[in-house]
Amino acid sequence: MPLTEGIVFTLLLLRAGYGYVPYASLEAIIEQNKETYYLALRRNQTTISDETPDWESWLHFFLCCLHRQTLRLQERLAKEADFRETLTPLAARLASLFQTQETLTLSEAAKLLEAKPNTLKVKFRELVEAGLIRLKGKGRGSHYTRK
């Protein structure tokens, strides 16, 4: 299954000293190209017991996926930078909380920013609509997570 190999490949990159940025999913890219993935894997598997196994097609596939991941990340960061320039100071401070917080509730953000919850609701909505964060749950159990 491509997800497993994507995780293993990411682990290998981390061990080799490459930084990992969770903004663009390698697994999603592999899933979108699974037919090509299985062809490359099959090509490798048929030669694995040979004296010189064919690693080229499998490695080429993953390098192409990493390239796509990089392009997606660059695109996402550019959009985010453009949007951040239009944020009000309070919305920018709220967005910056997600650099250190995985999740936030409205009441947590209100305490951290010393802002009124009703004002923050509007700012949270702006960030959700911009695609910077996600709303999970409803009512009192709702919270926001970074994308």
N, C-alpha and C. Protein backbone atom coordinates (compact mmCIF):
# COMPACT_ATOMS: atom_id res chain seq x y z
N MET A 1 0.85 -1.19 0.00
CA MET A 1 0.00 0.00 0.00
C MET A 1 0.89 1.24 0.00
N PRO A 2 0.62 2.24 -0.83
CA PRO A 2 1.47 3.42 -0.95
C PRO A 2 1.66 4.18 0.36
N LEU A 3 0.66 4.21 1.23
CA LEU A 3 0.76 4.96 2.46
C LEU A 3 1.94 4.47 3.29
N THR A 4 2.08 3.17 3.41
CA THR A 4 3.16 2.59 4.20
C THR A 4 4.52 2.99 3.63
N GLU A 5 4.67 2.85 2.33
CA GLU A 5 5.94 3.21 1.71
C GLU A 5 6.21 4.70 1.83
N GLY A 6 5.17 5.52 1.75
CA GLY A 6 5.34 6.96 1.91
C GLY A 6 5.85 7.30 3.30
N ILE A 7 5.33 6.61 4.30
CA ILE A 7 5.78 6.83 5.67
C ILE A 7 7.23 6.39 5.82
N VAL A 8 7.56 5.23 5.28
CA VAL A 8 8.92 4.72 5.36
C VAL A 8 9.88 5.67 4.63
N PHE A 9 9.47 6.13 3.46
CA PHE A 9 10.32 7.03 2.69
C PHE A 9 10.54 8.34 3.46
N THR A 10 9.49 8.87 4.08
CA THR A 10 9.62 10.09 4.88
C THR A 10 10.57 9.85 6.05
N LEU A 11 10.46 8.70 6.71
CA LEU A 11 11.35 8.35 7.81
C LEU A 11 12.80 8.30 7.33
N LEU A 12 13.03 7.71 6.17
CA LEU A 12 14.39 7.66 5.62
C LEU A 12 14.94 9.06 5.36
N LEU A 13 14.10 9.94 4.83
CA LEU A 13 14.54 11.31 4.60
C LEU A 13 14.88 12.02 5.91
N LEU A 14 14.06 11.81 6.94
CA LEU A 14 14.32 12.42 8.23
C LEU A 14 15.64 11.92 8.81
N ARG A 15 15.87 10.63 8.72
CA ARG A 15 17.11 10.05 9.23
C ARG A 15 18.32 10.54 8.46
N ALA A 16 18.13 10.89 7.21
CA ALA A 16 19.24 11.38 6.39
C ALA A 16 19.49 12.87 6.62
N GLY A 17 18.68 13.49 7.50
CA GLY A 17 18.91 14.88 7.85
C GLY A 17 18.03 15.88 7.13
N TYR A 18 17.10 15.41 6.32
CA TYR A 18 16.20 16.34 5.63
C TYR A 18 15.11 16.78 6.59
N GLY A 19 14.76 18.06 6.52
CA GLY A 19 13.69 18.57 7.35
C GLY A 19 12.35 18.15 6.78
N TYR A 20 11.38 17.96 7.62
CA TYR A 20 10.05 17.57 7.18
C TYR A 20 9.08 18.68 7.49
N VAL A 21 8.30 19.06 6.51
CA VAL A 21 7.30 20.10 6.69
C VAL A 21 5.93 19.48 6.45
N PRO A 22 5.06 19.45 7.47
CA PRO A 22 3.78 18.76 7.33
C PRO A 22 2.70 19.55 6.60
N TYR A 23 3.09 20.47 5.73
CA TYR A 23 2.11 21.27 5.01
C TYR A 23 1.59 20.59 3.75
N ALA A 24 2.38 19.71 3.18
CA ALA A 24 2.00 19.05 1.92
C ALA A 24 2.20 17.55 2.10
N SER A 25 1.14 16.81 2.04
CA SER A 25 1.17 15.38 2.32
C SER A 25 1.81 14.58 1.19
N LEU A 26 2.89 13.89 1.51
CA LEU A 26 3.53 13.00 0.55
C LEU A 26 2.59 11.82 0.25
N GLU A 27 1.91 11.35 1.28
CA GLU A 27 1.00 10.21 1.10
C GLU A 27 -0.13 10.55 0.12
N ALA A 28 -0.64 11.78 0.19
CA ALA A 28 -1.72 12.18 -0.72
C ALA A 28 -1.22 12.18 -2.16
N ILE A 29 0.00 12.63 -2.37
CA ILE A 29 0.57 12.66 -3.72
C ILE A 29 0.76 11.23 -4.23
N ILE A 30 1.23 10.36 -3.37
CA ILE A 30 1.41 8.95 -3.76
C ILE A 30 0.06 8.34 -4.11
N GLU A 31 -0.93 8.61 -3.29
CA GLU A 31 -2.28 8.07 -3.53
C GLU A 31 -2.83 8.55 -4.87
N GLN A 32 -2.59 9.80 -5.21
CA GLN A 32 -3.07 10.34 -6.48
C GLN A 32 -2.36 9.73 -7.67
N ASN A 33 -1.21 9.14 -7.45
CA ASN A 33 -0.41 8.56 -8.53
C ASN A 33 -0.16 7.08 -8.28
N LYS A 34 -1.12 6.40 -7.68
CA LYS A 34 -0.88 5.02 -7.26
C LYS A 34 -0.66 4.05 -8.42
N GLU A 35 -1.24 4.32 -9.57
CA GLU A 35 -1.00 3.42 -10.71
C GLU A 35 0.47 3.44 -11.11
N THR A 36 1.04 4.64 -11.19
CA THR A 36 2.47 4.78 -11.51
C THR A 36 3.32 4.18 -10.41
N TYR A 37 2.89 4.35 -9.17
CA TYR A 37 3.60 3.78 -8.03
C TYR A 37 3.66 2.26 -8.16
N TYR A 38 2.52 1.63 -8.42
CA TYR A 38 2.50 0.16 -8.50
C TYR A 38 3.31 -0.36 -9.68
N LEU A 39 3.33 0.39 -10.79
CA LEU A 39 4.16 -0.01 -11.92
C LEU A 39 5.65 0.03 -11.54
N ALA A 40 6.05 1.09 -10.87
CA ALA A 40 7.45 1.22 -10.44
C ALA A 40 7.81 0.14 -9.43
N LEU A 41 6.90 -0.12 -8.52
CA LEU A 41 7.15 -1.15 -7.51
C LEU A 41 7.24 -2.53 -8.16
N ARG A 42 6.34 -2.82 -9.08
CA ARG A 42 6.36 -4.11 -9.77
C ARG A 42 7.66 -4.29 -10.55
N ARG A 43 8.10 -3.21 -11.20
CA ARG A 43 9.36 -3.26 -11.95
C ARG A 43 10.52 -3.60 -11.03
N ASN A 44 10.49 -3.01 -9.83
CA ASN A 44 11.54 -3.29 -8.86
C ASN A 44 11.44 -4.71 -8.33
N GLN A 45 10.25 -5.16 -8.00
CA GLN A 45 10.06 -6.48 -7.42
C GLN A 45 10.48 -7.60 -8.37
N THR A 46 10.28 -7.40 -9.66
CA THR A 46 10.64 -8.46 -10.61
C THR A 46 12.15 -8.60 -10.77
N THR A 47 12.90 -7.59 -10.36
CA THR A 47 14.36 -7.66 -10.50
C THR A 47 15.08 -7.71 -9.15
N ILE A 48 14.34 -7.79 -8.07
CA ILE A 48 14.94 -7.71 -6.74
C ILE A 48 15.94 -8.83 -6.47
N SER A 49 15.71 -10.00 -7.02
CA SER A 49 16.64 -11.12 -6.79
C SER A 49 17.78 -11.15 -7.81
N ASP A 50 17.75 -10.26 -8.79
CA ASP A 50 18.84 -10.18 -9.77
C ASP A 50 20.09 -9.61 -9.11
N GLU A 51 21.18 -9.78 -9.82
CA GLU A 51 22.45 -9.25 -9.32
C GLU A 51 22.42 -7.71 -9.25
N THR A 52 21.72 -7.09 -10.19
CA THR A 52 21.56 -5.63 -10.20
C THR A 52 20.07 -5.29 -10.28
N PRO A 53 19.41 -5.21 -9.13
CA PRO A 53 17.98 -4.89 -9.12
C PRO A 53 17.72 -3.51 -9.72
N ASP A 54 16.53 -3.35 -10.30
CA ASP A 54 16.13 -2.08 -10.89
C ASP A 54 15.50 -1.20 -9.82
N TRP A 55 16.29 -0.33 -9.23
CA TRP A 55 15.80 0.61 -8.23
C TRP A 55 15.42 1.94 -8.88
N GLU A 56 15.85 2.13 -10.11
CA GLU A 56 15.70 3.43 -10.76
C GLU A 56 14.24 3.88 -10.87
N SER A 57 13.35 3.00 -11.32
CA SER A 57 11.96 3.42 -11.51
C SER A 57 11.29 3.76 -10.18
N TRP A 58 11.60 3.00 -9.14
CA TRP A 58 11.01 3.25 -7.83
C TRP A 58 11.55 4.57 -7.26
N LEU A 59 12.85 4.76 -7.34
CA LEU A 59 13.44 6.00 -6.84
C LEU A 59 12.97 7.21 -7.65
N HIS A 60 12.87 7.04 -8.95
CA HIS A 60 12.38 8.13 -9.81
C HIS A 60 10.97 8.52 -9.41
N PHE A 61 10.13 7.54 -9.15
CA PHE A 61 8.76 7.82 -8.73
C PHE A 61 8.76 8.68 -7.46
N PHE A 62 9.52 8.26 -6.44
CA PHE A 62 9.52 9.01 -5.19
C PHE A 62 10.16 10.38 -5.33
N LEU A 63 11.18 10.51 -6.13
CA LEU A 63 11.77 11.82 -6.35
C LEU A 63 10.78 12.76 -7.04
N CYS A 64 10.00 12.22 -7.97
CA CYS A 64 8.95 13.02 -8.62
C CYS A 64 7.89 13.43 -7.60
N CYS A 65 7.54 12.52 -6.70
CA CYS A 65 6.56 12.84 -5.65
C CYS A 65 7.10 13.94 -4.73
N LEU A 66 8.38 13.86 -4.37
CA LEU A 66 8.98 14.89 -3.53
C LEU A 66 8.98 16.24 -4.25
N HIS A 67 9.23 16.21 -5.54
CA HIS A 67 9.20 17.45 -6.33
C HIS A 67 7.79 18.04 -6.32
N ARG A 68 6.77 17.20 -6.52
CA ARG A 68 5.38 17.68 -6.48
C ARG A 68 5.04 18.23 -5.09
N GLN A 69 5.53 17.53 -4.06
CA GLN A 69 5.28 17.98 -2.69
C GLN A 69 5.90 19.36 -2.48
N THR A 70 7.10 19.56 -2.98
CA THR A 70 7.78 20.85 -2.85
C THR A 70 7.00 21.95 -3.57
N LEU A 71 6.52 21.65 -4.77
CA LEU A 71 5.74 22.64 -5.53
C LEU A 71 4.46 23.00 -4.80
N ARG A 72 3.78 21.99 -4.25
CA ARG A 72 2.55 22.26 -3.50
C ARG A 72 2.83 23.11 -2.28
N LEU A 73 3.92 22.80 -1.59
CA LEU A 73 4.28 23.56 -0.41
C LEU A 73 4.60 25.01 -0.78
N GLN A 74 5.36 25.22 -1.84
CA GLN A 74 5.68 26.57 -2.27
C GLN A 74 4.42 27.35 -2.61
N GLU A 75 3.50 26.69 -3.30
CA GLU A 75 2.24 27.33 -3.67
C GLU A 75 1.43 27.69 -2.43
N ARG A 76 1.35 26.76 -1.49
CA ARG A 76 0.58 26.99 -0.28
C ARG A 76 1.20 28.11 0.56
N LEU A 77 2.53 28.12 0.67
CA LEU A 77 3.20 29.16 1.44
C LEU A 77 3.03 30.53 0.79
N ALA A 78 3.06 30.58 -0.53
CA ALA A 78 2.86 31.85 -1.24
C ALA A 78 1.45 32.38 -0.99
N LYS A 79 0.45 31.50 -1.08
CA LYS A 79 -0.94 31.92 -0.81
C LYS A 79 -1.08 32.41 0.62
N GLU A 80 -0.47 31.66 1.55
CA GLU A 80 -0.56 32.02 2.95
C GLU A 80 0.10 33.38 3.20
N ALA A 81 1.26 33.60 2.59
CA ALA A 81 1.97 34.88 2.76
C ALA A 81 1.13 36.03 2.21
N ASP A 82 0.52 35.82 1.04
CA ASP A 82 -0.34 36.85 0.45
C ASP A 82 -1.51 37.17 1.38
N PHE A 83 -2.12 36.11 1.91
CA PHE A 83 -3.28 36.31 2.78
C PHE A 83 -2.87 36.98 4.08
N ARG A 84 -1.73 36.57 4.66
CA ARG A 84 -1.30 37.13 5.94
C ARG A 84 -1.09 38.65 5.86
N GLU A 85 -0.72 39.13 4.68
CA GLU A 85 -0.54 40.57 4.52
C GLU A 85 -1.84 41.33 4.66
N THR A 86 -2.97 40.67 4.41
CA THR A 86 -4.27 41.33 4.48
C THR A 86 -4.94 41.16 5.84
N LEU A 87 -4.32 40.38 6.73
CA LEU A 87 -4.93 40.13 8.04
C LEU A 87 -4.87 41.36 8.93
N THR A 88 -5.88 41.50 9.75
CA THR A 88 -5.84 42.52 10.79
C THR A 88 -4.80 42.08 11.82
N PRO A 89 -4.32 42.98 12.64
CA PRO A 89 -3.32 42.59 13.65
C PRO A 89 -3.80 41.47 14.58
N LEU A 90 -5.06 41.51 14.99
CA LEU A 90 -5.58 40.47 15.88
C LEU A 90 -5.64 39.12 15.15
N ALA A 91 -6.10 39.11 13.91
CA ALA A 91 -6.17 37.86 13.15
C ALA A 91 -4.76 37.30 12.91
N ALA A 92 -3.78 38.17 12.69
CA ALA A 92 -2.40 37.73 12.50
C ALA A 92 -1.85 37.11 13.79
N ARG A 93 -2.17 37.72 14.92
CA ARG A 93 -1.73 37.16 16.21
C ARG A 93 -2.40 35.81 16.46
N LEU A 94 -3.68 35.71 16.10
CA LEU A 94 -4.40 34.44 16.25
C LEU A 94 -3.77 33.37 15.36
N ALA A 95 -3.50 33.70 14.12
CA ALA A 95 -2.87 32.75 13.20
C ALA A 95 -1.51 32.31 13.70
N SER A 96 -0.77 33.23 14.29
CA SER A 96 0.58 32.89 14.77
C SER A 96 0.54 31.91 15.95
N LEU A 97 -0.57 31.87 16.68
CA LEU A 97 -0.69 30.90 17.78
C LEU A 97 -0.58 29.47 17.27
N PHE A 98 -0.98 29.23 16.04
CA PHE A 98 -0.96 27.88 15.48
C PHE A 98 0.45 27.42 15.09
N GLN A 99 1.42 28.31 15.23
CA GLN A 99 2.81 27.89 15.01
C GLN A 99 3.31 27.07 16.18
N THR A 100 2.72 27.29 17.36
CA THR A 100 3.13 26.53 18.55
C THR A 100 2.02 25.65 19.12
N GLN A 101 0.79 25.90 18.71
CA GLN A 101 -0.36 25.14 19.22
C GLN A 101 -0.90 24.23 18.12
N GLU A 102 -1.14 22.99 18.45
CA GLU A 102 -1.74 22.06 17.48
C GLU A 102 -3.23 22.35 17.34
N THR A 103 -3.89 22.59 18.47
CA THR A 103 -5.32 22.89 18.48
C THR A 103 -5.58 24.06 19.44
N LEU A 104 -6.69 24.74 19.20
CA LEU A 104 -7.10 25.85 20.07
C LEU A 104 -8.61 25.90 20.14
N THR A 105 -9.12 26.18 21.31
CA THR A 105 -10.55 26.46 21.46
C THR A 105 -10.71 27.97 21.51
N LEU A 106 -11.93 28.40 21.37
CA LEU A 106 -12.23 29.82 21.43
C LEU A 106 -11.81 30.40 22.79
N SER A 107 -12.13 29.69 23.87
CA SER A 107 -11.80 30.21 25.20
C SER A 107 -10.29 30.24 25.43
N GLU A 108 -9.56 29.25 24.91
CA GLU A 108 -8.09 29.27 25.05
C GLU A 108 -7.50 30.47 24.32
N ALA A 109 -7.97 30.70 23.11
CA ALA A 109 -7.47 31.83 22.32
C ALA A 109 -7.81 33.15 23.01
N ALA A 110 -9.00 33.25 23.58
CA ALA A 110 -9.41 34.48 24.27
C ALA A 110 -8.48 34.77 25.44
N LYS A 111 -8.11 33.74 26.18
CA LYS A 111 -7.18 33.93 27.30
C LYS A 111 -5.80 34.31 26.81
N LEU A 112 -5.30 33.61 25.81
CA LEU A 112 -3.94 33.88 25.30
C LEU A 112 -3.80 35.26 24.68
N LEU A 113 -4.85 35.71 23.99
CA LEU A 113 -4.78 36.99 23.29
C LEU A 113 -5.43 38.14 24.06
N GLU A 114 -6.05 37.78 25.17
CA GLU A 114 -6.78 38.77 25.97
C GLU A 114 -7.76 39.54 25.09
N ALA A 115 -8.56 38.77 24.35
CA ALA A 115 -9.53 39.35 23.42
C ALA A 115 -10.92 38.80 23.73
N LYS A 116 -11.92 39.48 23.23
CA LYS A 116 -13.30 39.05 23.46
C LYS A 116 -13.64 37.87 22.55
N PRO A 117 -14.34 36.87 23.10
CA PRO A 117 -14.70 35.69 22.30
C PRO A 117 -15.48 36.01 21.03
N ASN A 118 -16.42 36.94 21.10
CA ASN A 118 -17.21 37.27 19.90
C ASN A 118 -16.33 37.84 18.79
N THR A 119 -15.35 38.64 19.17
CA THR A 119 -14.42 39.19 18.18
C THR A 119 -13.58 38.07 17.59
N LEU A 120 -13.12 37.16 18.44
CA LEU A 120 -12.29 36.05 17.98
C LEU A 120 -13.06 35.08 17.07
N LYS A 121 -14.35 34.93 17.31
CA LYS A 121 -15.16 34.08 16.43
C LYS A 121 -15.05 34.55 14.99
N VAL A 122 -15.13 35.85 14.81
CA VAL A 122 -15.03 36.44 13.46
C VAL A 122 -13.64 36.17 12.88
N LYS A 123 -12.61 36.34 13.70
CA LYS A 123 -11.23 36.14 13.23
C LYS A 123 -10.97 34.67 12.91
N PHE A 124 -11.49 33.77 13.74
CA PHE A 124 -11.37 32.33 13.46
C PHE A 124 -12.03 32.01 12.12
N ARG A 125 -13.23 32.57 11.90
CA ARG A 125 -13.95 32.32 10.65
C ARG A 125 -13.13 32.78 9.45
N GLU A 126 -12.49 33.95 9.57
CA GLU A 126 -11.64 34.45 8.49
C GLU A 126 -10.51 33.47 8.18
N LEU A 127 -9.88 32.95 9.21
CA LEU A 127 -8.76 32.02 9.02
C LEU A 127 -9.23 30.69 8.43
N VAL A 128 -10.42 30.25 8.83
CA VAL A 128 -10.98 29.00 8.27
C VAL A 128 -11.29 29.21 6.79
N GLU A 129 -11.93 30.32 6.45
CA GLU A 129 -12.28 30.60 5.05
C GLU A 129 -11.05 30.76 4.18
N ALA A 130 -9.96 31.23 4.77
CA ALA A 130 -8.71 31.39 4.02
C ALA A 130 -7.97 30.08 3.88
N GLY A 131 -8.42 29.05 4.58
CA GLY A 131 -7.77 27.76 4.49
C GLY A 131 -6.53 27.63 5.37
N LEU A 132 -6.35 28.53 6.33
CA LEU A 132 -5.19 28.46 7.21
C LEU A 132 -5.39 27.50 8.37
N ILE A 133 -6.64 27.36 8.81
CA ILE A 133 -6.96 26.46 9.92
C ILE A 133 -8.26 25.72 9.60
N ARG A 134 -8.59 24.73 10.44
CA ARG A 134 -9.83 23.95 10.28
C ARG A 134 -10.65 24.02 11.55
N LEU A 135 -11.95 24.03 11.37
CA LEU A 135 -12.87 23.93 12.50
C LEU A 135 -13.25 22.46 12.65
N LYS A 136 -13.13 21.95 13.87
CA LYS A 136 -13.53 20.57 14.14
C LYS A 136 -14.57 20.59 15.26
N GLY A 137 -15.63 19.83 15.06
CA GLY A 137 -16.67 19.74 16.07
C GLY A 137 -17.67 20.88 15.95
N LYS A 138 -18.66 20.83 16.86
CA LYS A 138 -19.70 21.85 16.88
C LYS A 138 -19.97 22.26 18.31
N GLY A 139 -20.46 23.48 18.45
CA GLY A 139 -20.87 23.97 19.77
C GLY A 139 -19.70 24.05 20.74
N ARG A 140 -19.98 23.69 22.00
CA ARG A 140 -18.97 23.80 23.05
C ARG A 140 -17.77 22.87 22.82
N GLY A 141 -17.97 21.80 22.09
CA GLY A 141 -16.88 20.85 21.83
C GLY A 141 -16.02 21.22 20.63
N SER A 142 -16.31 22.34 20.01
CA SER A 142 -15.55 22.69 18.80
C SER A 142 -14.17 23.23 19.17
N HIS A 143 -13.26 23.01 18.24
CA HIS A 143 -11.90 23.54 18.36
C HIS A 143 -11.32 23.73 16.97
N TYR A 144 -10.21 24.40 16.91
CA TYR A 144 -9.58 24.72 15.63
C TYR A 144 -8.22 24.05 15.59
N THR A 145 -7.87 23.56 14.40
CA THR A 145 -6.57 22.91 14.22
C THR A 145 -5.87 23.55 13.03
N ARG A 146 -4.56 23.47 13.04
CA ARG A 146 -3.83 23.97 11.88
C ARG A 146 -3.98 22.98 10.74
N LYS A 147 -3.90 23.48 9.53
CA LYS A 147 -4.06 22.62 8.35
C LYS A 147 -2.79 21.93 8.01
